[in-house]
């Protein structure tokens, strides 16, 4: 198939922080100078974007209000989407999940997936930058995981520390998802996944969205598209053809690899995979089909 134009590609990106740009900076979701907008997404054959309600630590004491405000922003700005664009709602940071009834209400409002914490600890779990490596899922956190399984809300493990990850892996009955993480083997970082963690995700039927943030991709000063591909190829070597996707982290990072300015450049990743000998089927699994399967089944 001829892949000369981006409108030949379908994309499913599992993480962006654009809702905060819209809510806090007054940006238009239709067209803006951020990494993500509807106009640029509509240039693809189809584009599904997961929009995160990111609960920055400054909102720790008013997490529920912040979550509701960002949920409202999502619904206000996604009422009239282009025909080929879909929007999915997620939570990044569980400070607003103060009860199981609150969790159920977020689900009723359209939240399909939730990261229980950001980089630090809360009343549910411990984050990737938590200094106490022995602190993991709390007793309330175990109840949250069980309830998420019950209502069909996916669990995002991208920001968890190792202990919380393994605690969740022991009790969850749903596919495990890391919406925006890379390989610790390629680039050692507390936010990245070890080979063992990836295999656990794979065996659960889950998926990892490869993050575009340069510090997660490489320890070198310069970072490019080939560095994104290296992480994909390593996960492929671990048998993860059905368990790899894209979680760019657009509008949540302060820099991007050379050649990537935003959603308009997403096609370059898949062009590069095809140029390196990947089949059409493999490229389509990574671009959208793997995550589509998981979200539809959930």
Protein backbone atom coordinates (compact mmCIF):
# COMPACT_ATOMS: atom_id res chain seq x y z
CA UNK A 1 0.00 0.00 0.00
CA UNK A 2 1.20 3.51 -0.81
CA UNK A 3 1.86 5.43 2.40
CA UNK A 4 2.77 8.79 0.89
CA UNK A 5 0.19 10.80 2.85
CA UNK A 6 -0.89 10.80 6.48
CA UNK A 7 -4.55 10.26 5.53
CA UNK A 8 -3.67 6.62 4.88
CA UNK A 9 -2.98 6.09 8.59
CA UNK A 10 -5.28 5.45 11.53
CA UNK A 11 -3.85 6.45 14.92
CA UNK A 12 -4.76 5.62 18.51
CA UNK A 13 -2.72 7.73 20.96
CA UNK A 14 -3.30 6.85 24.60
CA UNK A 15 -1.99 9.96 26.33
CA UNK A 16 -1.95 13.72 25.97
CA UNK A 17 -2.30 16.55 28.50
CA UNK A 18 -4.02 18.98 26.14
CA UNK A 19 -7.07 19.36 28.38
CA UNK A 20 -4.91 21.38 30.79
CA UNK A 21 -3.90 23.71 27.95
CA UNK A 22 -7.53 24.21 27.05
CA UNK A 23 -8.72 24.63 30.64
CA UNK A 24 -5.88 26.72 32.07
CA UNK A 25 -4.50 28.61 29.08
CA UNK A 26 -7.68 29.24 27.13
CA UNK A 27 -6.50 27.30 24.09
CA UNK A 28 -9.02 26.16 21.49
CA UNK A 29 -9.14 22.42 20.95
CA UNK A 30 -10.19 23.01 17.34
CA UNK A 31 -6.97 24.75 16.33
CA UNK A 32 -4.04 25.91 18.46
CA UNK A 33 -0.27 26.15 18.83
CA UNK A 34 -0.09 23.16 21.18
CA UNK A 35 0.92 19.61 20.20
CA UNK A 36 -2.69 18.47 19.67
CA UNK A 37 -5.74 19.95 17.99
CA UNK A 38 -8.75 18.61 16.09
CA UNK A 39 -7.78 20.21 12.79
CA UNK A 40 -4.47 18.35 12.59
CA UNK A 41 -5.95 15.08 13.86
CA UNK A 42 -8.61 15.21 11.14
CA UNK A 43 -5.89 15.02 8.46
CA UNK A 44 -5.49 11.31 9.19
CA UNK A 45 -7.69 8.47 8.00
CA UNK A 46 -8.89 8.25 11.60
CA UNK A 47 -7.50 9.49 14.90
CA UNK A 48 -8.43 8.44 18.41
CA UNK A 49 -6.96 10.56 21.20
CA UNK A 50 -7.09 9.76 24.90
CA UNK A 51 -7.29 13.05 26.81
CA UNK A 52 -6.01 12.92 30.39
CA UNK A 53 -7.44 14.77 33.36
CA UNK A 54 -3.99 15.40 34.84
CA UNK A 55 -4.15 16.17 38.56
CA UNK A 56 -1.01 18.19 39.12
CA UNK A 57 0.29 18.00 42.72
CA UNK A 58 -0.75 21.62 43.24
CA UNK A 59 -4.35 20.34 43.12
CA UNK A 60 -3.74 17.56 45.63
CA UNK A 61 -6.08 19.04 48.24
CA UNK A 62 -8.86 19.68 45.71
CA UNK A 63 -8.41 16.68 43.44
CA UNK A 64 -12.11 15.95 43.00
CA UNK A 65 -12.88 19.52 41.93
CA UNK A 66 -9.98 19.53 39.49
CA UNK A 67 -11.02 16.18 38.02
CA UNK A 68 -14.59 17.39 37.54
CA UNK A 69 -13.43 20.66 35.98
CA UNK A 70 -11.26 18.85 33.43
CA UNK A 71 -14.02 16.33 32.76
CA UNK A 72 -16.34 19.26 32.04
CA UNK A 73 -13.70 20.79 29.73
CA UNK A 74 -13.48 17.51 27.85
CA UNK A 75 -17.21 17.25 27.25
CA UNK A 76 -17.56 20.94 26.38
CA UNK A 77 -14.87 20.81 23.71
CA UNK A 78 -15.53 17.40 22.17
CA UNK A 79 -19.22 17.79 21.33
CA UNK A 80 -18.65 18.44 17.62
CA UNK A 81 -15.72 16.30 16.57
CA UNK A 82 -14.66 15.79 12.96
CA UNK A 83 -16.18 12.60 11.60
CA UNK A 84 -12.87 10.74 11.62
CA UNK A 85 -11.80 11.82 15.13
CA UNK A 86 -12.67 10.13 18.42
CA UNK A 87 -11.97 11.39 21.93
CA UNK A 88 -11.55 9.21 25.02
CA UNK A 89 -11.38 10.45 28.61
CA UNK A 90 -8.82 9.32 31.21
CA UNK A 91 -7.62 10.31 34.67
CA UNK A 92 -3.95 10.82 35.53
CA UNK A 93 -3.67 10.99 39.31
CA UNK A 94 -6.27 9.53 41.65
CA UNK A 95 -6.51 12.38 44.16
CA UNK A 96 -10.12 12.90 43.10
CA UNK A 97 -11.02 9.25 43.69
CA UNK A 98 -11.98 9.76 47.33
CA UNK A 99 -14.56 6.94 47.37
CA UNK A 100 -15.74 4.04 45.23
CA UNK A 101 -18.91 5.98 44.44
CA UNK A 102 -16.77 8.84 43.10
CA UNK A 103 -14.93 6.33 40.91
CA UNK A 104 -18.23 4.99 39.58
CA UNK A 105 -19.42 8.52 38.83
CA UNK A 106 -16.26 9.31 36.86
CA UNK A 107 -16.94 6.16 34.86
CA UNK A 108 -20.50 7.33 34.21
CA UNK A 109 -19.03 10.61 32.95
CA UNK A 110 -16.99 8.70 30.39
CA UNK A 111 -13.66 7.93 32.07
CA UNK A 112 -12.39 4.74 30.41
CA UNK A 113 -8.96 4.44 32.03
CA UNK A 114 -7.27 5.83 35.13
CA UNK A 115 -3.72 6.16 36.43
CA UNK A 116 -4.12 5.85 40.20
CA UNK A 117 -1.27 8.22 40.96
CA UNK A 118 1.16 10.49 39.20
CA UNK A 119 4.85 10.40 40.17
CA UNK A 120 4.27 10.50 43.92
CA UNK A 121 2.27 8.73 46.61
CA UNK A 122 -1.36 9.29 47.45
CA UNK A 123 -4.09 7.43 49.34
CA UNK A 124 -4.31 4.79 46.57
CA UNK A 125 -0.78 3.88 45.46
CA UNK A 126 2.83 5.04 45.14
CA UNK A 127 4.34 6.79 42.17
CA UNK A 128 7.49 6.19 40.16
CA UNK A 129 9.47 8.85 42.04
CA UNK A 130 8.39 7.67 45.49
CA UNK A 131 11.45 7.42 47.74
CA UNK A 132 10.05 4.48 49.75
CA UNK A 133 10.32 1.57 47.31
CA UNK A 134 8.47 -0.72 49.73
CA UNK A 135 5.31 1.38 49.63
CA UNK A 136 2.76 0.11 47.11
CA UNK A 137 -0.98 -0.27 46.74
CA UNK A 138 -2.90 0.78 49.86
CA UNK A 139 -5.86 -1.11 51.31
CA UNK A 140 -8.17 1.45 49.73
CA UNK A 141 -6.19 1.08 46.51
CA UNK A 142 -6.97 -2.63 46.43
CA UNK A 143 -10.68 -1.79 46.69
CA UNK A 144 -10.29 0.72 43.85
CA UNK A 145 -8.64 -1.88 41.61
CA UNK A 146 -11.40 -4.40 42.37
CA UNK A 147 -14.06 -1.81 41.56
CA UNK A 148 -12.33 -0.80 38.34
CA UNK A 149 -12.36 -4.46 37.32
CA UNK A 150 -16.05 -4.65 38.15
CA UNK A 151 -17.12 -1.59 36.12
CA UNK A 152 -14.68 -2.20 33.24
CA UNK A 153 -12.35 0.75 33.76
CA UNK A 154 -8.78 0.07 32.61
CA UNK A 155 -5.85 0.63 34.96
CA UNK A 156 -2.92 2.73 33.72
CA UNK A 157 0.37 1.74 35.37
CA UNK A 158 2.64 4.28 33.65
CA UNK A 159 3.34 6.43 36.73
CA UNK A 160 3.46 3.71 39.39
CA UNK A 161 6.53 2.59 41.29
CA UNK A 162 7.59 -1.03 40.97
CA UNK A 163 5.86 -2.16 44.17
CA UNK A 164 2.51 -0.67 43.18
CA UNK A 165 2.84 -2.20 39.72
CA UNK A 166 3.39 -5.69 41.10
CA UNK A 167 0.64 -5.25 43.69
CA UNK A 168 -1.82 -4.42 40.91
CA UNK A 169 -0.56 -7.24 38.69
CA UNK A 170 -1.37 -9.69 41.48
CA UNK A 171 -5.00 -8.63 41.93
CA UNK A 172 -6.31 -7.21 38.65
CA UNK A 173 -8.31 -9.40 36.30
CA UNK A 174 -8.20 -6.95 33.38
CA UNK A 175 -5.50 -6.26 30.78
CA UNK A 176 -2.78 -4.03 32.23
CA UNK A 177 -2.07 -0.86 30.29
CA UNK A 178 0.86 1.55 30.43
CA UNK A 179 -0.38 4.49 28.38
CA UNK A 180 2.91 6.39 28.06
CA UNK A 181 6.05 4.49 29.03
CA UNK A 182 9.25 3.28 27.39
CA UNK A 183 11.75 0.45 27.85
CA UNK A 184 14.06 0.55 30.86
CA UNK A 185 16.41 -1.81 28.97
CA UNK A 186 16.97 0.80 26.25
CA UNK A 187 16.93 3.82 28.56
CA UNK A 188 17.11 3.20 32.32
CA UNK A 189 14.62 5.47 34.08
CA UNK A 190 12.21 5.03 36.99
CA UNK A 191 9.35 5.90 34.66
CA UNK A 192 10.27 3.16 32.20
CA UNK A 193 9.27 -0.50 32.23
CA UNK A 194 11.63 -3.40 32.85
CA UNK A 195 11.48 -6.39 30.54
CA UNK A 196 9.79 -8.34 33.32
CA UNK A 197 7.10 -5.69 33.68
CA UNK A 198 6.51 -5.65 29.94
CA UNK A 199 6.12 -9.42 29.89
CA UNK A 200 3.55 -9.19 32.70
CA UNK A 201 1.63 -6.59 30.68
CA UNK A 202 1.88 -8.77 27.58
CA UNK A 203 0.69 -11.88 29.40
CA UNK A 204 -2.29 -9.96 30.77
CA UNK A 205 -3.34 -9.09 27.22
CA UNK A 206 -2.45 -5.45 27.83
CA UNK A 207 -0.45 -2.88 25.92
CA UNK A 208 2.26 -0.22 26.28
CA UNK A 209 2.05 3.17 24.60
CA UNK A 210 5.58 4.29 23.73
CA UNK A 211 6.29 7.76 25.11
CA UNK A 212 7.99 10.44 22.97
CA UNK A 213 9.65 12.31 25.85
CA UNK A 214 13.42 12.39 25.10
CA UNK A 215 14.62 11.65 28.68
CA UNK A 216 12.60 8.41 28.55
CA UNK A 217 13.95 7.50 25.11
CA UNK A 218 17.70 8.03 25.33
CA UNK A 219 20.50 9.25 27.54
CA UNK A 220 22.06 11.16 24.65
CA UNK A 221 21.72 14.90 24.11
CA UNK A 222 19.97 14.43 20.76
CA UNK A 223 16.91 12.32 20.18
CA UNK A 224 15.08 11.43 16.97
CA UNK A 225 12.45 9.22 15.43
CA UNK A 226 14.80 6.25 15.33
CA UNK A 227 15.00 6.40 19.14
CA UNK A 228 11.23 5.92 19.35
CA UNK A 229 11.55 2.98 16.97
CA UNK A 230 14.29 1.40 19.13
CA UNK A 231 11.86 1.08 22.03
CA UNK A 232 9.20 -0.39 19.75
CA UNK A 233 11.69 -2.88 18.35
CA UNK A 234 12.84 -3.96 21.80
CA UNK A 235 9.27 -4.66 22.87
CA UNK A 236 8.81 -6.53 19.59
CA UNK A 237 11.82 -8.68 20.44
CA UNK A 238 10.05 -9.61 23.68
CA UNK A 239 7.13 -10.98 21.67
CA UNK A 240 4.98 -7.89 22.00
CA UNK A 241 3.60 -7.46 18.49
CA UNK A 242 0.07 -7.38 19.91
CA UNK A 243 1.05 -5.30 22.93
CA UNK A 244 2.67 -2.13 21.59
CA UNK A 245 1.06 1.19 20.76
CA UNK A 246 1.64 4.92 20.96
CA UNK A 247 1.34 7.17 24.02
CA UNK A 248 3.09 10.30 22.84
CA UNK A 249 2.54 12.44 25.99
CA UNK A 250 1.86 15.48 23.79
CA UNK A 251 1.36 18.73 25.72
CA UNK A 252 2.70 17.01 28.82
CA UNK A 253 6.39 17.33 27.93
CA UNK A 254 8.73 20.28 27.51
CA UNK A 255 10.54 18.87 24.46
CA UNK A 256 10.08 16.27 21.73
CA UNK A 257 12.38 14.27 19.44
CA UNK A 258 13.72 15.98 16.34
CA UNK A 259 11.21 15.69 13.53
CA UNK A 260 8.20 15.51 15.86
CA UNK A 261 6.33 18.75 16.55
CA UNK A 262 2.90 17.36 17.35
CA UNK A 263 0.15 15.14 15.98
CA UNK A 264 0.92 16.33 12.46
CA UNK A 265 4.14 14.29 12.55
CA UNK A 266 2.77 11.06 14.02
CA UNK A 267 2.75 9.38 10.59
CA UNK A 268 6.54 9.55 10.47
CA UNK A 269 6.79 6.80 13.08
CA UNK A 270 4.80 4.38 10.95
CA UNK A 271 6.60 5.43 7.77
CA UNK A 272 9.84 4.53 9.52
CA UNK A 273 8.53 1.14 10.65
CA UNK A 274 7.49 0.25 7.10
CA UNK A 275 10.85 1.42 5.77
CA UNK A 276 12.56 -0.91 8.25
CA UNK A 277 10.66 -3.91 6.93
CA UNK A 278 7.62 -4.05 9.19
CA UNK A 279 4.51 -5.41 7.49
CA UNK A 280 1.36 -3.37 6.96
CA UNK A 281 -0.35 -5.50 9.58
CA UNK A 282 2.39 -4.92 12.15
CA UNK A 283 2.43 -1.16 11.55
CA UNK A 284 -1.35 -0.99 11.89
CA UNK A 285 -1.30 -2.96 15.14
CA UNK A 286 1.15 -0.45 16.60
CA UNK A 287 -0.54 2.63 15.15
CA UNK A 288 -4.04 1.80 16.38
CA UNK A 289 -5.32 -1.77 16.33
CA UNK A 290 -3.74 -3.05 19.55
CA UNK A 291 -5.20 -0.32 21.71
CA UNK A 292 -8.50 -0.34 19.85
CA UNK A 293 -8.90 -4.00 20.75
CA UNK A 294 -8.22 -3.43 24.43
CA UNK A 295 -10.50 -0.42 24.83
CA UNK A 296 -13.33 -2.05 22.90
CA UNK A 297 -13.11 -5.25 24.94
CA UNK A 298 -13.02 -3.32 28.22
